[in-house]
C-alpha atoms as a PDB file:
ATOM      1  CA  ASN A   1    -116.727 -62.336 -57.299  1.00  0.00           C
ATOM      2  CA  GLY A   2    -116.673 -58.935 -59.024  1.00  0.00           C
ATOM      3  CA  TRP A   3    -120.407 -58.920 -59.708  1.00  0.00           C
ATOM      4  CA  ILE A   4    -121.197 -60.018 -56.163  1.00  0.00           C
ATOM      5  CA  SER A   5    -119.035 -57.277 -54.677  1.00  0.00           C
ATOM      6  CA  THR A   6    -120.560 -54.628 -56.957  1.00  0.00           C
ATOM      7  CA  ILE A   7    -124.113 -55.730 -56.181  1.00  0.00           C
ATOM      8  CA  ASN A   8    -123.368 -55.828 -52.470  1.00  0.00           C
ATOM      9  CA  THR A   9    -121.992 -52.284 -52.629  1.00  0.00           C
ATOM     10  CA  ASN A  10    -124.965 -50.947 -54.615  1.00  0.00           C
ATOM     11  CA  SER A  11    -127.776 -52.564 -52.630  1.00  0.00           C
ATOM     12  CA  ALA A  12    -129.216 -51.834 -49.232  1.00  0.00           C
ATOM     13  CA  TRP A  13    -130.201 -55.515 -48.855  1.00  0.00           C
ATOM     14  CA  LEU A  14    -127.310 -57.727 -49.738  1.00  0.00           C
ATOM     15  CA  ILE A  15    -125.377 -59.920 -48.403  1.00  0.00           C
ATOM     16  CA  ASN A  16    -125.026 -59.097 -44.711  1.00  0.00           C
ATOM     17  CA  ASP A  17    -127.011 -55.859 -44.627  1.00  0.00           C
ATOM     18  CA  TRP A  18    -129.520 -55.714 -41.799  1.00  0.00           C
ATOM     19  CA  ASN A  19    -128.978 -59.358 -40.865  1.00  0.00           C
ATOM     20  CA  SER A  20    -129.151 -58.772 -37.115  1.00  0.00           C
ATOM     21  CA  GLN A  21    -132.423 -56.811 -37.468  1.00  0.00           C
ATOM     22  CA  LEU A  22    -133.825 -59.653 -39.577  1.00  0.00           C
ATOM     23  CA  GLY A  23    -132.768 -62.352 -37.120  1.00  0.00           C
ATOM     24  CA  ILE A  24    -130.058 -63.827 -39.367  1.00  0.00           C
ATOM     25  CA  THR A  25    -127.087 -64.867 -37.253  1.00  0.00           C
ATOM     26  CA  THR A  26    -124.652 -65.994 -39.963  1.00  0.00           C
ATOM     27  CA  THR A  27    -122.215 -63.607 -41.640  1.00  0.00           C
ATOM     28  CA  TYR A  28    -121.506 -64.439 -45.281  1.00  0.00           C
ATOM     29  CA  ALA A  29    -118.319 -63.729 -47.215  1.00  0.00           C
ATOM     30  CA  ILE A  30    -118.774 -61.260 -50.073  1.00  0.00           C
ATOM     31  CA  ASN A  31    -117.709 -63.759 -52.729  1.00  0.00           C
ATOM     32  CA  THR A  32    -118.970 -66.826 -54.566  1.00  0.00           C
ATOM     33  CA  THR A  33    -118.560 -69.040 -51.499  1.00  0.00           C
ATOM     34  CA  GLY A  34    -120.606 -66.637 -49.378  1.00  0.00           C
ATOM     35  CA  LEU A  35    -123.306 -66.522 -52.048  1.00  0.00           C
ATOM     36  CA  VAL A  36    -123.464 -70.304 -52.271  1.00  0.00           C
ATOM     37  CA  ASN A  37    -123.685 -70.572 -48.476  1.00  0.00           C
ATOM     38  CA  LEU A  38    -126.488 -67.987 -48.325  1.00  0.00           C
ATOM     39  CA  ILE A  39    -128.452 -69.855 -50.997  1.00  0.00           C
ATOM     40  CA  LYS A  40    -127.787 -73.216 -49.333  1.00  0.00           C
ATOM     41  CA  ASN A  41    -128.974 -71.890 -45.975  1.00  0.00           C
ATOM     42  CA  SER A  42    -132.075 -70.376 -47.560  1.00  0.00           C
ATOM     43  CA  THR A  43    -133.083 -73.613 -49.273  1.00  0.00           C
ATOM     44  CA  GLY A  44    -132.452 -75.606 -46.097  1.00  0.00           C
ATOM     45  CA  CYS A  45    -134.440 -73.155 -44.004  1.00  0.00           C
ATOM     46  CA  LYS A  46    -137.843 -74.440 -42.930  1.00  0.00           C
ATOM     47  CA  GLY A  47    -140.514 -72.973 -40.746  1.00  0.00           C
ATOM     48  CA  SER A  48    -142.265 -69.721 -40.095  1.00  0.00           C
ATOM     49  CA  GLN A  49    -139.447 -67.654 -38.621  1.00  0.00           C
ATOM     50  CA  ARG A  50    -138.849 -64.189 -40.057  1.00  0.00           C
ATOM     51  CA  SER A  51    -135.152 -64.971 -40.411  1.00  0.00           C
ATOM     52  CA  CYS A  52    -136.005 -67.878 -42.725  1.00  0.00           C
ATOM     53  CA  SER A  53    -138.147 -65.700 -44.982  1.00  0.00           C
ATOM     54  CA  ALA A  54    -135.388 -63.048 -44.969  1.00  0.00           C
ATOM     55  CA  LEU A  55    -132.832 -65.618 -46.159  1.00  0.00           C
ATOM     56  CA  LYS A  56    -135.178 -66.856 -48.877  1.00  0.00           C
ATOM     57  CA  PHE A  57    -135.812 -63.284 -50.048  1.00  0.00           C
ATOM     58  CA  LYS A  58    -132.115 -62.387 -50.032  1.00  0.00           C
ATOM     59  CA  ALA A  59    -131.222 -65.495 -52.060  1.00  0.00           C
ATOM     60  CA  GLN A  60    -133.858 -64.734 -54.725  1.00  0.00           C
ATOM     61  CA  TYR A  61    -133.001 -61.028 -54.798  1.00  0.00           C
ATOM     62  CA  LEU A  62    -129.288 -61.727 -55.141  1.00  0.00           C
ATOM     63  CA  ALA A  63    -130.043 -64.129 -58.003  1.00  0.00           C
ATOM     64  CA  LEU A  64    -132.150 -61.423 -59.658  1.00  0.00           C
ATOM     65  CA  ARG A  65    -129.391 -58.840 -59.305  1.00  0.00           C
ATOM     66  CA  LEU A  66    -126.862 -61.350 -60.694  1.00  0.00           C
ATOM     67  CA  ASN A  67    -129.159 -61.962 -63.678  1.00  0.00           C
ATOM     68  CA  VAL A  68    -129.096 -58.208 -64.357  1.00  0.00           C
ATOM     69  CA  ALA A  69    -125.330 -57.879 -63.827  1.00  0.00           C
ATOM     70  CA  SER A  70    -124.639 -60.777 -66.193  1.00  0.00           C
ATOM     71  CA  GLY A  71    -126.926 -59.379 -68.891  1.00  0.00           C
ATOM     72  CA  ARG A  72    -129.448 -62.222 -68.613  1.00  0.00           C
ATOM     73  CA  LYS A  73    -132.122 -59.739 -67.533  1.00  0.00           C
ATOM     74  CA  SER A  74    -132.572 -56.128 -68.626  1.00  0.00           C
ATOM     75  CA  LEU A  75    -133.617 -53.317 -66.295  1.00  0.00           C
ATOM     76  CA  ALA A  76    -135.808 -52.065 -69.147  1.00  0.00           C
ATOM     77  CA  HIS A  77    -137.748 -55.339 -69.508  1.00  0.00           C
ATOM     78  CA  ILE A  78    -141.463 -54.834 -68.845  1.00  0.00           C
ATOM     79  CA  TYR A  79    -143.582 -57.073 -66.617  1.00  0.00           C
ATOM     80  CA  ASN A  80    -147.349 -57.204 -66.251  1.00  0.00           C
ATOM     81  CA  VAL A  81    -148.217 -56.076 -62.717  1.00  0.00           C
ATOM     82  CA  SER A  82    -151.162 -58.482 -62.554  1.00  0.00           C
ATOM     83  CA  SER A  83    -148.729 -61.388 -63.047  1.00  0.00           C
ATOM     84  CA  LEU A  84    -146.848 -60.600 -59.831  1.00  0.00           C
ATOM     85  CA  PRO A  85    -147.751 -62.487 -56.632  1.00  0.00           C
ATOM     86  CA  SER A  86    -150.991 -61.271 -55.066  1.00  0.00           C
ATOM     87  CA  GLY A  87    -150.439 -58.224 -52.853  1.00  0.00           C
ATOM     88  CA  ALA A  88    -146.868 -57.625 -54.010  1.00  0.00           C
ATOM     89  CA  ALA A  89    -147.571 -54.705 -56.343  1.00  0.00           C
ATOM     90  CA  SER A  90    -149.557 -52.905 -53.649  1.00  0.00           C
ATOM     91  CA  TYR A  91    -146.880 -53.461 -50.986  1.00  0.00           C
ATOM     92  CA  LEU A  92    -144.101 -52.294 -53.313  1.00  0.00           C
ATOM     93  CA  GLY A  93    -146.118 -49.324 -54.593  1.00  0.00           C
ATOM     94  CA  LEU A  94    -146.066 -50.557 -58.199  1.00  0.00           C
ATOM     95  CA  SER A  95    -148.970 -49.206 -60.213  1.00  0.00           C
ATOM     96  CA  GLY A  96    -150.085 -49.318 -63.790  1.00  0.00           C
ATOM     97  CA  PRO A  97    -150.616 -52.321 -65.949  1.00  0.00           C
ATOM     98  CA  THR A  98    -146.856 -52.760 -66.490  1.00  0.00           C
ATOM     99  CA  VAL A  99    -143.572 -51.952 -64.740  1.00  0.00           C
ATOM    100  CA  SER A 100    -139.932 -52.249 -65.713  1.00  0.00           C
ATOM    101  CA  LEU A 101    -137.495 -54.483 -63.877  1.00  0.00           C
ATOM    102  CA  GLY A 102    -135.671 -51.302 -62.879  1.00  0.00           C
ATOM    103  CA  ASP A 103    -138.871 -50.067 -61.209  1.00  0.00           C
ATOM    104  CA  VAL A 104    -139.206 -53.359 -59.345  1.00  0.00           C
ATOM    105  CA  ILE A 105    -135.616 -53.203 -58.054  1.00  0.00           C
ATOM    106  CA  THR A 106    -136.044 -49.564 -57.006  1.00  0.00           C
ATOM    107  CA  ALA A 107    -139.218 -50.479 -55.109  1.00  0.00           C
ATOM    108  CA  ILE A 108    -137.501 -53.391 -53.345  1.00  0.00           C
ATOM    109  CA  GLU A 109    -134.540 -51.199 -52.402  1.00  0.00           C
ATOM    110  CA  GLY A 110    -137.045 -48.727 -50.962  1.00  0.00           C
ATOM    111  CA  LYS A 111    -138.247 -51.392 -48.532  1.00  0.00           C
ATOM    112  CA  ALA A 112    -134.802 -52.130 -47.099  1.00  0.00           C
ATOM    113  CA  THR A 113    -134.794 -52.533 -43.331  1.00  0.00           C
ATOM    114  CA  GLY A 114    -133.558 -49.411 -41.600  1.00  0.00           C
ATOM    115  CA  VAL A 115    -132.803 -47.460 -44.773  1.00  0.00           C
ATOM    116  CA  THR A 116    -136.226 -45.905 -45.171  1.00  0.00           C
ATOM    117  CA  GLY A 117    -137.593 -46.574 -41.725  1.00  0.00           C
ATOM    118  CA  THR A 118    -139.296 -49.732 -42.930  1.00  0.00           C
ATOM    119  CA  ASN A 119    -138.945 -53.070 -41.230  1.00  0.00           C
ATOM    120  CA  PRO A 120    -140.613 -55.708 -43.442  1.00  0.00           C
ATOM    121  CA  THR A 121    -142.627 -58.413 -41.765  1.00  0.00           C
ATOM    122  CA  ARG A 122    -142.218 -62.082 -42.597  1.00  0.00           C
ATOM    123  CA  ASN A 123    -145.122 -61.887 -45.057  1.00  0.00           C
ATOM    124  CA  GLN A 124    -143.715 -58.765 -46.729  1.00  0.00           C
ATOM    125  CA  LEU A 125    -140.322 -60.468 -47.141  1.00  0.00           C
ATOM    126  CA  LEU A 126    -142.118 -63.435 -48.719  1.00  0.00           C
ATOM    127  CA  LEU A 127    -143.970 -61.086 -51.095  1.00  0.00           C
ATOM    128  CA  MET A 128    -140.664 -59.609 -52.270  1.00  0.00           C
ATOM    129  CA  MET A 129    -139.173 -63.092 -52.536  1.00  0.00           C
ATOM    130  CA  GLY A 130    -142.133 -64.145 -54.671  1.00  0.00           C
ATOM    131  CA  VAL A 131    -141.646 -61.202 -57.034  1.00  0.00           C
ATOM    132  CA  CYS A 132    -137.956 -62.024 -57.447  1.00  0.00           C
ATOM    133  CA  ASP A 133    -138.690 -65.725 -57.929  1.00  0.00           C
ATOM    134  CA  PHE A 134    -141.358 -64.931 -60.534  1.00  0.00           C
ATOM    135  CA  ILE A 135    -138.994 -62.680 -62.510  1.00  0.00           C
ATOM    136  CA  ASN A 136    -136.052 -65.074 -62.162  1.00  0.00           C
ATOM    137  CA  ASN A 137    -138.159 -67.854 -63.674  1.00  0.00           C
ATOM    138  CA  GLN A 138    -139.390 -65.821 -66.648  1.00  0.00           C
ATOM    139  CA  GLY A 139    -137.786 -66.430 -70.020  1.00  0.00           C
ATOM    140  CA  ILE A 140    -134.827 -64.304 -70.847  1.00  0.00           C
END
C-alpha cells in the first residue's frame, strides 16, 4: 500500500485523477484492493469507449510505476525509440535513437488530462498504454 500511495501522490494520472474527464465512473481506493479492482475493470473492459482505453492505460502505467518503485525497472534504463509502438514517440515528444525510462515517464506525465491543457483522445491513451505495456514486458 505504501508504494501505491506514493505513486498516486507523485503522479498526475493515478488512481482517480481525471476520472470524470476521462469518462471513468468508478472511484478506486488508494490501496492494493483499489489497484486490483482498477486492473480487473481494465481487463474486463471491451469496446471502443474512451473510458475503456483510459482504464487500460492507467492499469499499465500503474504497473510500470510499481515496477520502478519496487526496483524491478530503473529510471536510467535505455530503450530504443524505434521499438516503441508506432506513433508513440512522436505523440510523447521522444526523440533520438534512445530514451531513458525516466524520460518516458516524464513525457507521459506531461500528457496528463487537465494538468498541461491536454486531453488525450482514445487513440492517444492507447498509444501511452502500448508504451507502458511494451516496457512492462521487457526483461528486467
